[in-house]
Amino acid sequence: VAGLSLSDVIQLNGNNGFSGCITVQ
């Protein structure tokens, strides 16, 4: 997701009810 920080992505997926994994390298 371009233009978003990792914290933003975590909050976005949390609000959207995401199930799965975020892999960070």
mmCIF file of all heavy atoms, coordinates in Angstrom:
data_MODEL
# 
_entry.id   MODEL 
# 
loop_
_atom_site.group_PDB 
_atom_site.id 
_atom_site.type_symbol 
_atom_site.label_atom_id 
_atom_site.label_alt_id 
_atom_site.label_comp_id 
_atom_site.label_asym_id 
_atom_site.label_entity_id 
_atom_site.label_seq_id 
_atom_site.pdbx_PDB_ins_code 
_atom_site.Cartn_x 
_atom_site.Cartn_y 
_atom_site.Cartn_z 
_atom_site.occupancy 
_atom_site.B_iso_or_equiv 
_atom_site.pdbx_formal_charge 
_atom_site.auth_seq_id 
_atom_site.auth_comp_id 
_atom_site.auth_asym_id 
_atom_site.auth_atom_id 
_atom_site.pdbx_PDB_model_num 
ATOM 1   N N   . VAL A 1 1  ? 0.849   -1.175  0.000  1.00 0.00 ? 1  VAL A N   1 
ATOM 2   C CA  . VAL A 1 1  ? 0.000   0.000   0.000  1.00 0.00 ? 1  VAL A CA  1 
ATOM 3   C C   . VAL A 1 1  ? 0.889   1.231   0.000  1.00 0.00 ? 1  VAL A C   1 
ATOM 4   O O   . VAL A 1 1  ? 1.499   1.567   1.009  1.00 0.00 ? 1  VAL A O   1 
ATOM 5   C CB  . VAL A 1 1  ? -0.942  0.018   1.224  1.00 0.00 ? 1  VAL A CB  1 
ATOM 6   C CG1 . VAL A 1 1  ? -1.887  1.216   1.152  1.00 0.00 ? 1  VAL A CG1 1 
ATOM 7   C CG2 . VAL A 1 1  ? -1.740  -1.276  1.310  1.00 0.00 ? 1  VAL A CG2 1 
ATOM 8   N N   . ALA A 1 2  ? 0.997   1.887   -1.141 1.00 0.00 ? 2  ALA A N   1 
ATOM 9   C CA  . ALA A 1 2  ? 1.935   2.995   -1.274 1.00 0.00 ? 2  ALA A CA  1 
ATOM 10  C C   . ALA A 1 2  ? 1.491   4.187   -0.446 1.00 0.00 ? 2  ALA A C   1 
ATOM 11  O O   . ALA A 1 2  ? 0.308   4.480   -0.308 1.00 0.00 ? 2  ALA A O   1 
ATOM 12  C CB  . ALA A 1 2  ? 2.042   3.408   -2.739 1.00 0.00 ? 2  ALA A CB  1 
ATOM 13  N N   . GLY A 1 3  ? 2.461   4.913   0.114  1.00 0.00 ? 3  GLY A N   1 
ATOM 14  C CA  . GLY A 1 3  ? 2.200   6.142   0.831  1.00 0.00 ? 3  GLY A CA  1 
ATOM 15  C C   . GLY A 1 3  ? 1.782   5.970   2.277  1.00 0.00 ? 3  GLY A C   1 
ATOM 16  O O   . GLY A 1 3  ? 1.495   6.960   2.953  1.00 0.00 ? 3  GLY A O   1 
ATOM 17  N N   . LEU A 1 4  ? 1.706   4.742   2.789  1.00 0.00 ? 4  LEU A N   1 
ATOM 18  C CA  . LEU A 1 4  ? 1.312   4.507   4.162  1.00 0.00 ? 4  LEU A CA  1 
ATOM 19  C C   . LEU A 1 4  ? 2.483   3.943   4.958  1.00 0.00 ? 4  LEU A C   1 
ATOM 20  O O   . LEU A 1 4  ? 3.264   3.149   4.446  1.00 0.00 ? 4  LEU A O   1 
ATOM 21  C CB  . LEU A 1 4  ? 0.143   3.524   4.233  1.00 0.00 ? 4  LEU A CB  1 
ATOM 22  C CG  . LEU A 1 4  ? -1.181  3.956   3.589  1.00 0.00 ? 4  LEU A CG  1 
ATOM 23  C CD1 . LEU A 1 4  ? -2.215  2.855   3.763  1.00 0.00 ? 4  LEU A CD1 1 
ATOM 24  C CD2 . LEU A 1 4  ? -1.682  5.251   4.193  1.00 0.00 ? 4  LEU A CD2 1 
ATOM 25  N N   . SER A 1 5  ? 2.583   4.346   6.218  1.00 0.00 ? 5  SER A N   1 
ATOM 26  C CA  . SER A 1 5  ? 3.590   3.769   7.098  1.00 0.00 ? 5  SER A CA  1 
ATOM 27  C C   . SER A 1 5  ? 3.128   2.389   7.559  1.00 0.00 ? 5  SER A C   1 
ATOM 28  O O   . SER A 1 5  ? 1.956   2.020   7.395  1.00 0.00 ? 5  SER A O   1 
ATOM 29  C CB  . SER A 1 5  ? 3.805   4.672   8.312  1.00 0.00 ? 5  SER A CB  1 
ATOM 30  O OG  . SER A 1 5  ? 2.657   4.648   9.150  1.00 0.00 ? 5  SER A OG  1 
ATOM 31  N N   . LEU A 1 6  ? 4.033   1.649   8.185  1.00 0.00 ? 6  LEU A N   1 
ATOM 32  C CA  . LEU A 1 6  ? 3.672   0.334   8.704  1.00 0.00 ? 6  LEU A CA  1 
ATOM 33  C C   . LEU A 1 6  ? 2.585   0.457   9.756  1.00 0.00 ? 6  LEU A C   1 
ATOM 34  O O   . LEU A 1 6  ? 1.630   -0.330  9.788  1.00 0.00 ? 6  LEU A O   1 
ATOM 35  C CB  . LEU A 1 6  ? 4.910   -0.354  9.285  1.00 0.00 ? 6  LEU A CB  1 
ATOM 36  C CG  . LEU A 1 6  ? 4.698   -1.739  9.898  1.00 0.00 ? 6  LEU A CG  1 
ATOM 37  C CD1 . LEU A 1 6  ? 4.134   -2.708  8.872  1.00 0.00 ? 6  LEU A CD1 1 
ATOM 38  C CD2 . LEU A 1 6  ? 6.014   -2.270  10.471 1.00 0.00 ? 6  LEU A CD2 1 
ATOM 39  N N   . SER A 1 7  ? 2.693   1.462   10.624 1.00 0.00 ? 7  SER A N   1 
ATOM 40  C CA  . SER A 1 7  ? 1.670   1.681   11.641 1.00 0.00 ? 7  SER A CA  1 
ATOM 41  C C   . SER A 1 7  ? 0.314   1.973   10.996 1.00 0.00 ? 7  SER A C   1 
ATOM 42  O O   . SER A 1 7  ? -0.724  1.472   11.446 1.00 0.00 ? 7  SER A O   1 
ATOM 43  C CB  . SER A 1 7  ? 2.090   2.844   12.549 1.00 0.00 ? 7  SER A CB  1 
ATOM 44  O OG  . SER A 1 7  ? 1.142   3.050   13.569 1.00 0.00 ? 7  SER A OG  1 
ATOM 45  N N   . ASP A 1 8  ? 0.323   2.769   9.919  1.00 0.00 ? 8  ASP A N   1 
ATOM 46  C CA  . ASP A 1 8  ? -0.925  3.067   9.203  1.00 0.00 ? 8  ASP A CA  1 
ATOM 47  C C   . ASP A 1 8  ? -1.557  1.798   8.641  1.00 0.00 ? 8  ASP A C   1 
ATOM 48  O O   . ASP A 1 8  ? -2.779  1.606   8.710  1.00 0.00 ? 8  ASP A O   1 
ATOM 49  C CB  . ASP A 1 8  ? -0.666  4.044   8.056  1.00 0.00 ? 8  ASP A CB  1 
ATOM 50  C CG  . ASP A 1 8  ? -0.316  5.438   8.533  1.00 0.00 ? 8  ASP A CG  1 
ATOM 51  O OD1 . ASP A 1 8  ? -0.730  5.807   9.644  1.00 0.00 ? 8  ASP A OD1 1 
ATOM 52  O OD2 . ASP A 1 8  ? 0.400   6.147   7.792  1.00 0.00 ? 8  ASP A OD2 1 
ATOM 53  N N   . VAL A 1 9  ? -0.728  0.946   8.053  1.00 0.00 ? 9  VAL A N   1 
ATOM 54  C CA  . VAL A 1 9  ? -1.225  -0.293  7.449  1.00 0.00 ? 9  VAL A CA  1 
ATOM 55  C C   . VAL A 1 9  ? -1.822  -1.202  8.516  1.00 0.00 ? 9  VAL A C   1 
ATOM 56  O O   . VAL A 1 9  ? -2.881  -1.822  8.312  1.00 0.00 ? 9  VAL A O   1 
ATOM 57  C CB  . VAL A 1 9  ? -0.097  -1.015  6.688  1.00 0.00 ? 9  VAL A CB  1 
ATOM 58  C CG1 . VAL A 1 9  ? -0.531  -2.410  6.247  1.00 0.00 ? 9  VAL A CG1 1 
ATOM 59  C CG2 . VAL A 1 9  ? 0.310   -0.198  5.475  1.00 0.00 ? 9  VAL A CG2 1 
ATOM 60  N N   . ILE A 1 10 ? -1.180  -1.272  9.679  1.00 0.00 ? 10 ILE A N   1 
ATOM 61  C CA  . ILE A 1 10 ? -1.691  -2.103  10.764 1.00 0.00 ? 10 ILE A CA  1 
ATOM 62  C C   . ILE A 1 10 ? -3.045  -1.593  11.230 1.00 0.00 ? 10 ILE A C   1 
ATOM 63  O O   . ILE A 1 10 ? -3.999  -2.362  11.402 1.00 0.00 ? 10 ILE A O   1 
ATOM 64  C CB  . ILE A 1 10 ? -0.680  -2.132  11.926 1.00 0.00 ? 10 ILE A CB  1 
ATOM 65  C CG1 . ILE A 1 10 ? 0.546   -2.955  11.516 1.00 0.00 ? 10 ILE A CG1 1 
ATOM 66  C CG2 . ILE A 1 10 ? -1.314  -2.722  13.191 1.00 0.00 ? 10 ILE A CG2 1 
ATOM 67  C CD1 . ILE A 1 10 ? 1.682   -2.899  12.511 1.00 0.00 ? 10 ILE A CD1 1 
ATOM 68  N N   . GLN A 1 11 ? -3.164  -0.288  11.417 1.00 0.00 ? 11 GLN A N   1 
ATOM 69  C CA  . GLN A 1 11 ? -4.441  0.278   11.851 1.00 0.00 ? 11 GLN A CA  1 
ATOM 70  C C   . GLN A 1 11 ? -5.522  0.101   10.789 1.00 0.00 ? 11 GLN A C   1 
ATOM 71  O O   . GLN A 1 11 ? -6.677  -0.209  11.102 1.00 0.00 ? 11 GLN A O   1 
ATOM 72  C CB  . GLN A 1 11 ? -4.261  1.756   12.179 1.00 0.00 ? 11 GLN A CB  1 
ATOM 73  C CG  . GLN A 1 11 ? -3.380  2.006   13.397 1.00 0.00 ? 11 GLN A CG  1 
ATOM 74  C CD  . GLN A 1 11 ? -3.341  3.465   13.778 1.00 0.00 ? 11 GLN A CD  1 
ATOM 75  O OE1 . GLN A 1 11 ? -4.328  4.041   14.233 1.00 0.00 ? 11 GLN A OE1 1 
ATOM 76  N NE2 . GLN A 1 11 ? -2.195  4.104   13.591 1.00 0.00 ? 11 GLN A NE2 1 
ATOM 77  N N   . LEU A 1 12 ? -5.164  0.301   9.525  1.00 0.00 ? 12 LEU A N   1 
ATOM 78  C CA  . LEU A 1 12 ? -6.118  0.153   8.430  1.00 0.00 ? 12 LEU A CA  1 
ATOM 79  C C   . LEU A 1 12 ? -6.657  -1.268  8.369  1.00 0.00 ? 12 LEU A C   1 
ATOM 80  O O   . LEU A 1 12 ? -7.872  -1.485  8.259  1.00 0.00 ? 12 LEU A O   1 
ATOM 81  C CB  . LEU A 1 12 ? -5.449  0.531   7.105  1.00 0.00 ? 12 LEU A CB  1 
ATOM 82  C CG  . LEU A 1 12 ? -6.304  0.395   5.842  1.00 0.00 ? 12 LEU A CG  1 
ATOM 83  C CD1 . LEU A 1 12 ? -7.487  1.359   5.904  1.00 0.00 ? 12 LEU A CD1 1 
ATOM 84  C CD2 . LEU A 1 12 ? -5.462  0.664   4.596  1.00 0.00 ? 12 LEU A CD2 1 
ATOM 85  N N   . ASN A 1 13 ? -5.768  -2.241  8.467  1.00 0.00 ? 13 ASN A N   1 
ATOM 86  C CA  . ASN A 1 13 ? -6.207  -3.635  8.402  1.00 0.00 ? 13 ASN A CA  1 
ATOM 87  C C   . ASN A 1 13 ? -6.962  -4.048  9.656  1.00 0.00 ? 13 ASN A C   1 
ATOM 88  O O   . ASN A 1 13 ? -7.862  -4.890  9.589  1.00 0.00 ? 13 ASN A O   1 
ATOM 89  C CB  . ASN A 1 13 ? -4.999  -4.545  8.172  1.00 0.00 ? 13 ASN A CB  1 
ATOM 90  C CG  . ASN A 1 13 ? -4.536  -4.521  6.727  1.00 0.00 ? 13 ASN A CG  1 
ATOM 91  O OD1 . ASN A 1 13 ? -5.091  -5.186  5.868  1.00 0.00 ? 13 ASN A OD1 1 
ATOM 92  N ND2 . ASN A 1 13 ? -3.501  -3.729  6.444  1.00 0.00 ? 13 ASN A ND2 1 
ATOM 93  N N   . GLY A 1 14 ? -6.594  -3.441  10.781 1.00 0.00 ? 14 GLY A N   1 
ATOM 94  C CA  . GLY A 1 14 ? -7.345  -3.702  11.999 1.00 0.00 ? 14 GLY A CA  1 
ATOM 95  C C   . GLY A 1 14 ? -8.776  -3.208  11.877 1.00 0.00 ? 14 GLY A C   1 
ATOM 96  O O   . GLY A 1 14 ? -9.734  -3.916  12.222 1.00 0.00 ? 14 GLY A O   1 
ATOM 97  N N   . ASN A 1 15 ? -8.939  -1.994  11.350 1.00 0.00 ? 15 ASN A N   1 
ATOM 98  C CA  . ASN A 1 15 ? -10.281 -1.434  11.178 1.00 0.00 ? 15 ASN A CA  1 
ATOM 99  C C   . ASN A 1 15 ? -11.099 -2.195  10.141 1.00 0.00 ? 15 ASN A C   1 
ATOM 100 O O   . ASN A 1 15 ? -12.335 -2.217  10.218 1.00 0.00 ? 15 ASN A O   1 
ATOM 101 C CB  . ASN A 1 15 ? -10.180 0.038   10.773 1.00 0.00 ? 15 ASN A CB  1 
ATOM 102 C CG  . ASN A 1 15 ? -9.620  0.912   11.881 1.00 0.00 ? 15 ASN A CG  1 
ATOM 103 O OD1 . ASN A 1 15 ? -9.713  0.569   13.053 1.00 0.00 ? 15 ASN A OD1 1 
ATOM 104 N ND2 . ASN A 1 15 ? -9.020  2.033   11.511 1.00 0.00 ? 15 ASN A ND2 1 
ATOM 105 N N   . ASN A 1 16 ? -10.426 -2.805  9.174  1.00 0.00 ? 16 ASN A N   1 
ATOM 106 C CA  . ASN A 1 16 ? -11.121 -3.524  8.101  1.00 0.00 ? 16 ASN A CA  1 
ATOM 107 C C   . ASN A 1 16 ? -11.384 -4.989  8.425  1.00 0.00 ? 16 ASN A C   1 
ATOM 108 O O   . ASN A 1 16 ? -11.889 -5.736  7.581  1.00 0.00 ? 16 ASN A O   1 
ATOM 109 C CB  . ASN A 1 16 ? -10.318 -3.430  6.802  1.00 0.00 ? 16 ASN A CB  1 
ATOM 110 C CG  . ASN A 1 16 ? -10.341 -2.031  6.214  1.00 0.00 ? 16 ASN A CG  1 
ATOM 111 O OD1 . ASN A 1 16 ? -11.227 -1.241  6.531  1.00 0.00 ? 16 ASN A OD1 1 
ATOM 112 N ND2 . ASN A 1 16 ? -9.375  -1.722  5.365  1.00 0.00 ? 16 ASN A ND2 1 
ATOM 113 N N   . GLY A 1 17 ? -11.021 -5.419  9.639  1.00 0.00 ? 17 GLY A N   1 
ATOM 114 C CA  . GLY A 1 17 ? -11.270 -6.809  10.028 1.00 0.00 ? 17 GLY A CA  1 
ATOM 115 C C   . GLY A 1 17 ? -10.396 -7.813  9.306  1.00 0.00 ? 17 GLY A C   1 
ATOM 116 O O   . GLY A 1 17 ? -10.813 -8.954  9.061  1.00 0.00 ? 17 GLY A O   1 
ATOM 117 N N   . PHE A 1 18 ? -9.169  -7.421  8.974  1.00 0.00 ? 18 PHE A N   1 
ATOM 118 C CA  . PHE A 1 18 ? -8.249  -8.274  8.213  1.00 0.00 ? 18 PHE A CA  1 
ATOM 119 C C   . PHE A 1 18 ? -7.881  -9.545  8.975  1.00 0.00 ? 18 PHE A C   1 
ATOM 120 O O   . PHE A 1 18 ? -7.642  -9.519  10.176 1.00 0.00 ? 18 PHE A O   1 
ATOM 121 C CB  . PHE A 1 18 ? -6.980  -7.475  7.910  1.00 0.00 ? 18 PHE A CB  1 
ATOM 122 C CG  . PHE A 1 18 ? -5.872  -8.250  7.237  1.00 0.00 ? 18 PHE A CG  1 
ATOM 123 C CD1 . PHE A 1 18 ? -5.993  -8.696  5.940  1.00 0.00 ? 18 PHE A CD1 1 
ATOM 124 C CD2 . PHE A 1 18 ? -4.691  -8.515  7.924  1.00 0.00 ? 18 PHE A CD2 1 
ATOM 125 C CE1 . PHE A 1 18 ? -4.972  -9.385  5.322  1.00 0.00 ? 18 PHE A CE1 1 
ATOM 126 C CE2 . PHE A 1 18 ? -3.651  -9.204  7.315  1.00 0.00 ? 18 PHE A CE2 1 
ATOM 127 C CZ  . PHE A 1 18 ? -3.794  -9.641  6.011  1.00 0.00 ? 18 PHE A CZ  1 
ATOM 128 N N   . SER A 1 19 ? -7.841  -10.657 8.278  1.00 0.00 ? 19 SER A N   1 
ATOM 129 C CA  . SER A 1 19 ? -7.311  -11.915 8.802  1.00 0.00 ? 19 SER A CA  1 
ATOM 130 C C   . SER A 1 19 ? -6.178  -12.353 7.885  1.00 0.00 ? 19 SER A C   1 
ATOM 131 O O   . SER A 1 19 ? -6.367  -12.449 6.667  1.00 0.00 ? 19 SER A O   1 
ATOM 132 C CB  . SER A 1 19 ? -8.392  -12.995 8.849  1.00 0.00 ? 19 SER A CB  1 
ATOM 133 O OG  . SER A 1 19 ? -9.383  -12.697 9.804  1.00 0.00 ? 19 SER A OG  1 
ATOM 134 N N   . GLY A 1 20 ? -5.034  -12.620 8.453  1.00 0.00 ? 20 GLY A N   1 
ATOM 135 C CA  . GLY A 1 20 ? -3.876  -12.998 7.656  1.00 0.00 ? 20 GLY A CA  1 
ATOM 136 C C   . GLY A 1 20 ? -2.600  -12.543 8.328  1.00 0.00 ? 20 GLY A C   1 
ATOM 137 O O   . GLY A 1 20 ? -2.533  -12.433 9.557  1.00 0.00 ? 20 GLY A O   1 
ATOM 138 N N   . CYS A 1 21 ? -1.586  -12.269 7.519  1.00 0.00 ? 21 CYS A N   1 
ATOM 139 C CA  . CYS A 1 21 ? -0.257  -11.954 8.043  1.00 0.00 ? 21 CYS A CA  1 
ATOM 140 C C   . CYS A 1 21 ? 0.329   -10.759 7.293  1.00 0.00 ? 21 CYS A C   1 
ATOM 141 O O   . CYS A 1 21 ? 0.163   -10.637 6.079  1.00 0.00 ? 21 CYS A O   1 
ATOM 142 C CB  . CYS A 1 21 ? 0.658   -13.180 7.894  1.00 0.00 ? 21 CYS A CB  1 
ATOM 143 S SG  . CYS A 1 21 ? 2.383   -12.900 8.381  1.00 0.00 ? 21 CYS A SG  1 
ATOM 144 N N   . ILE A 1 22 ? 0.980   -9.870  8.038  1.00 0.00 ? 22 ILE A N   1 
ATOM 145 C CA  . ILE A 1 22 ? 1.821   -8.836  7.440  1.00 0.00 ? 22 ILE A CA  1 
ATOM 146 C C   . ILE A 1 22 ? 3.266   -9.265  7.653  1.00 0.00 ? 22 ILE A C   1 
ATOM 147 O O   . ILE A 1 22 ? 3.710   -9.409  8.787  1.00 0.00 ? 22 ILE A O   1 
ATOM 148 C CB  . ILE A 1 22 ? 1.578   -7.455  8.073  1.00 0.00 ? 22 ILE A CB  1 
ATOM 149 C CG1 . ILE A 1 22 ? 0.142   -6.991  7.844  1.00 0.00 ? 22 ILE A CG1 1 
ATOM 150 C CG2 . ILE A 1 22 ? 2.549   -6.428  7.511  1.00 0.00 ? 22 ILE A CG2 1 
ATOM 151 C CD1 . ILE A 1 22 ? -0.179  -5.648  8.467  1.00 0.00 ? 22 ILE A CD1 1 
ATOM 152 N N   . THR A 1 23 ? 3.972   -9.493  6.570  1.00 0.00 ? 23 THR A N   1 
ATOM 153 C CA  . THR A 1 23 ? 5.382   -9.864  6.641  1.00 0.00 ? 23 THR A CA  1 
ATOM 154 C C   . THR A 1 23 ? 6.233   -8.627  6.387  1.00 0.00 ? 23 THR A C   1 
ATOM 155 O O   . THR A 1 23 ? 6.012   -7.908  5.415  1.00 0.00 ? 23 THR A O   1 
ATOM 156 C CB  . THR A 1 23 ? 5.719   -10.948 5.607  1.00 0.00 ? 23 THR A CB  1 
ATOM 157 O OG1 . THR A 1 23 ? 4.948   -12.121 5.897  1.00 0.00 ? 23 THR A OG1 1 
ATOM 158 C CG2 . THR A 1 23 ? 7.204   -11.314 5.656  1.00 0.00 ? 23 THR A CG2 1 
ATOM 159 N N   . VAL A 1 24 ? 7.170   -8.373  7.276  1.00 0.00 ? 24 VAL A N   1 
ATOM 160 C CA  . VAL A 1 24 ? 8.015   -7.179  7.194  1.00 0.00 ? 24 VAL A CA  1 
ATOM 161 C C   . VAL A 1 24 ? 9.473   -7.614  7.061  1.00 0.00 ? 24 VAL A C   1 
ATOM 162 O O   . VAL A 1 24 ? 9.945   -8.458  7.836  1.00 0.00 ? 24 VAL A O   1 
ATOM 163 C CB  . VAL A 1 24 ? 7.850   -6.295  8.445  1.00 0.00 ? 24 VAL A CB  1 
ATOM 164 C CG1 . VAL A 1 24 ? 8.621   -4.988  8.279  1.00 0.00 ? 24 VAL A CG1 1 
ATOM 165 C CG2 . VAL A 1 24 ? 6.381   -6.015  8.730  1.00 0.00 ? 24 VAL A CG2 1 
ATOM 166 N N   . GLN A 1 25 ? 10.174  -7.044  6.083  1.00 0.00 ? 25 GLN A N   1 
ATOM 167 C CA  . GLN A 1 25 ? 11.593  -7.354  5.885  1.00 0.00 ? 25 GLN A CA  1 
ATOM 168 C C   . GLN A 1 25 ? 12.421  -6.098  6.080  1.00 0.00 ? 25 GLN A C   1 
ATOM 169 O O   . GLN A 1 25 ? 12.155  -5.052  5.497  1.00 0.00 ? 25 GLN A O   1 
ATOM 170 C CB  . GLN A 1 25 ? 11.846  -7.919  4.484  1.00 0.00 ? 25 GLN A CB  1 
ATOM 171 C CG  . GLN A 1 25 ? 13.296  -8.349  4.271  1.00 0.00 ? 25 GLN A CG  1 
ATOM 172 C CD  . GLN A 1 25 ? 13.486  -9.143  2.992  1.00 0.00 ? 25 GLN A CD  1 
ATOM 173 O OE1 . GLN A 1 25 ? 12.527  -9.408  2.275  1.00 0.00 ? 25 GLN A OE1 1 
ATOM 174 N NE2 . GLN A 1 25 ? 14.724  -9.518  2.712  1.00 0.00 ? 25 GLN A NE2 1 
# 
